[in-house]
N, C-alpha and C. Protein backbone atom coordinates (compact mmCIF):
# COMPACT_ATOMS: atom_id res chain seq x y z
N MET A 1 0.90 -1.26 0.11
CA MET A 1 0.05 0.04 0.33
C MET A 1 0.88 1.20 0.02
N ARG A 2 1.59 1.64 -1.20
CA ARG A 2 2.56 2.59 -1.37
C ARG A 2 1.89 3.94 -1.04
N ASN A 3 0.64 3.87 -1.61
CA ASN A 3 -0.06 5.45 -1.67
C ASN A 3 -0.87 5.87 -0.37
N ALA A 4 -0.87 4.92 0.56
CA ALA A 4 -1.80 5.07 1.64
C ALA A 4 -1.33 6.00 2.69
N PRO A 5 -2.41 6.76 3.02
CA PRO A 5 -1.64 7.99 4.26
C PRO A 5 -1.02 7.37 5.44
N LYS A 6 -0.01 7.80 6.21
CA LYS A 6 0.41 7.52 7.09
C LYS A 6 -0.86 7.74 8.45
N VAL A 7 -1.06 6.75 9.21
CA VAL A 7 -1.75 6.81 10.34
C VAL A 7 -0.84 6.68 11.62
N GLU A 8 -1.42 7.34 12.60
CA GLU A 8 -0.80 6.91 13.95
C GLU A 8 -2.01 6.51 14.91
N LEU A 9 -1.30 5.28 15.59
CA LEU A 9 -2.44 4.71 16.31
C LEU A 9 -2.02 5.21 17.76
N GLN A 10 -2.95 5.16 18.55
CA GLN A 10 -3.25 5.33 19.91
C GLN A 10 -3.60 4.59 20.81
N THR A 11 -3.14 3.71 21.52
CA THR A 11 -4.05 2.97 22.57
C THR A 11 -4.05 3.46 23.99
N LEU A 12 -5.05 3.13 24.48
CA LEU A 12 -5.05 3.39 25.95
C LEU A 12 -5.56 1.93 26.80
N ARG A 13 -4.94 1.89 27.97
CA ARG A 13 -5.16 0.59 28.76
C ARG A 13 -5.79 1.28 29.76
N GLY A 14 -6.84 0.01 30.36
CA GLY A 14 -7.32 0.34 31.62
C GLY A 14 -8.68 0.25 31.86
N GLY A 15 -9.44 0.71 32.60
CA GLY A 15 -10.90 0.80 32.84
C GLY A 15 -11.48 -0.51 33.48
N GLU A 16 -12.51 -0.33 33.99
CA GLU A 16 -13.19 -1.51 34.60
C GLU A 16 -14.90 -1.54 34.27
N PRO A 17 -15.11 -2.49 33.74
CA PRO A 17 -16.82 -2.80 33.30
C PRO A 17 -17.29 -2.81 34.48
N GLU A 18 -18.55 -1.43 34.45
CA GLU A 18 -19.68 -1.68 35.30
C GLU A 18 -20.81 -2.65 35.15
N ASP A 19 -21.02 -3.05 33.94
CA ASP A 19 -22.06 -3.81 33.51
C ASP A 19 -21.42 -5.13 32.72
N THR A 20 -21.54 -6.23 33.40
CA THR A 20 -20.76 -7.20 32.67
C THR A 20 -21.91 -7.97 31.88
N ARG A 21 -23.21 -7.56 31.94
CA ARG A 21 -24.25 -8.60 31.03
C ARG A 21 -23.80 -8.08 29.61
N GLU A 22 -23.95 -6.77 29.43
CA GLU A 22 -23.63 -6.48 28.01
C GLU A 22 -21.95 -6.27 27.56
N PRO A 23 -21.31 -7.09 26.90
CA PRO A 23 -20.18 -6.79 26.60
C PRO A 23 -19.63 -5.37 25.73
N CYS A 24 -20.92 -4.94 24.94
CA CYS A 24 -20.65 -3.68 24.11
C CYS A 24 -21.39 -2.54 24.55
N SER A 25 -21.94 -2.88 25.93
CA SER A 25 -22.92 -1.59 26.23
C SER A 25 -21.55 -0.37 26.76
N ALA A 26 -22.12 0.68 26.99
CA ALA A 26 -21.66 1.69 27.24
C ALA A 26 -21.02 1.83 28.66
N LEU A 27 -21.63 0.96 29.32
CA LEU A 27 -20.70 0.85 30.75
C LEU A 27 -19.77 -0.53 30.87
N ASN A 28 -19.36 -0.61 29.89
CA ASN A 28 -18.29 -1.92 29.69
C ASN A 28 -16.94 -1.49 28.89
N TYR A 29 -16.25 -2.15 28.53
CA TYR A 29 -15.00 -1.73 27.96
C TYR A 29 -15.25 -0.79 26.61
N HIS A 30 -15.98 -1.15 25.82
CA HIS A 30 -16.19 -0.70 24.66
C HIS A 30 -16.73 0.73 24.81
N GLY A 31 -17.06 1.12 25.95
CA GLY A 31 -17.42 2.37 26.28
C GLY A 31 -16.92 3.42 26.93
N PHE A 32 -15.43 2.85 27.25
CA PHE A 32 -14.42 3.40 27.90
C PHE A 32 -14.83 3.76 29.28
N SER A 33 -15.63 2.48 30.02
CA SER A 33 -15.53 3.06 31.42
C SER A 33 -14.54 3.08 32.00
N GLY A 34 -14.50 3.75 32.70
CA GLY A 34 -13.28 3.77 34.19
C GLY A 34 -12.00 4.93 33.39
N ILE A 35 -11.78 5.08 32.08
CA ILE A 35 -10.82 5.94 31.54
C ILE A 35 -11.54 6.76 30.74
N ASP A 36 -12.76 7.31 31.04
CA ASP A 36 -13.44 8.42 30.07
C ASP A 36 -12.40 9.65 29.63
N VAL A 37 -12.35 10.19 31.11
CA VAL A 37 -11.36 11.60 31.11
C VAL A 37 -10.32 11.40 30.18
N GLU A 38 -9.33 10.04 30.12
CA GLU A 38 -8.24 9.99 29.62
C GLU A 38 -8.29 9.74 27.86
N VAL A 39 -9.48 9.39 27.72
CA VAL A 39 -10.18 9.01 26.19
C VAL A 39 -10.32 10.53 25.56
N VAL A 40 -11.25 11.22 26.40
CA VAL A 40 -11.44 12.70 25.86
C VAL A 40 -10.50 13.80 25.78
N GLU A 41 -9.50 13.39 26.84
CA GLU A 41 -8.32 14.21 26.45
C GLU A 41 -7.15 13.74 25.25
N ALA A 42 -7.19 12.66 25.14
CA ALA A 42 -6.57 11.86 23.72
C ALA A 42 -7.42 12.46 22.59
N VAL A 43 -8.58 12.46 22.74
CA VAL A 43 -9.26 12.62 21.48
C VAL A 43 -9.18 14.38 21.22
N ILE A 44 -9.21 15.00 22.30
CA ILE A 44 -9.32 16.56 22.29
C ILE A 44 -7.69 16.96 21.56
N ALA A 45 -6.61 16.51 22.24
CA ALA A 45 -5.39 16.44 21.64
C ALA A 45 -5.03 16.26 20.12
N TRP A 46 -5.76 15.18 19.96
CA TRP A 46 -5.56 14.69 18.07
C TRP A 46 -6.49 15.88 17.45
N LEU A 47 -7.56 16.40 18.25
CA LEU A 47 -8.29 17.21 17.39
C LEU A 47 -7.85 18.74 17.03
N GLN A 48 -6.67 18.86 18.01
CA GLN A 48 -6.10 20.11 17.95
C GLN A 48 -4.86 20.04 17.36
N ALA A 49 -4.38 19.10 17.11
CA ALA A 49 -3.09 18.67 16.17
C ALA A 49 -3.66 18.40 14.89
N GLN A 50 -4.66 18.54 14.43
CA GLN A 50 -5.47 18.64 13.19
C GLN A 50 -5.51 20.17 12.52
N ARG A 51 -5.32 21.07 13.14
CA ARG A 51 -5.62 22.45 12.99
C ARG A 51 -4.36 23.00 12.24
């Protein structure tokens, strides 16, 4: 893929599920439960870097 744009991957670890019945709910890992602030800060930093 020679012409594909370069991308940067940022991973975040941590968080604790609050709802173990639904693995894809907002209160589980896919909803960034427990690391909400860290995720929002990472998104804001990425958006500001795009200016």
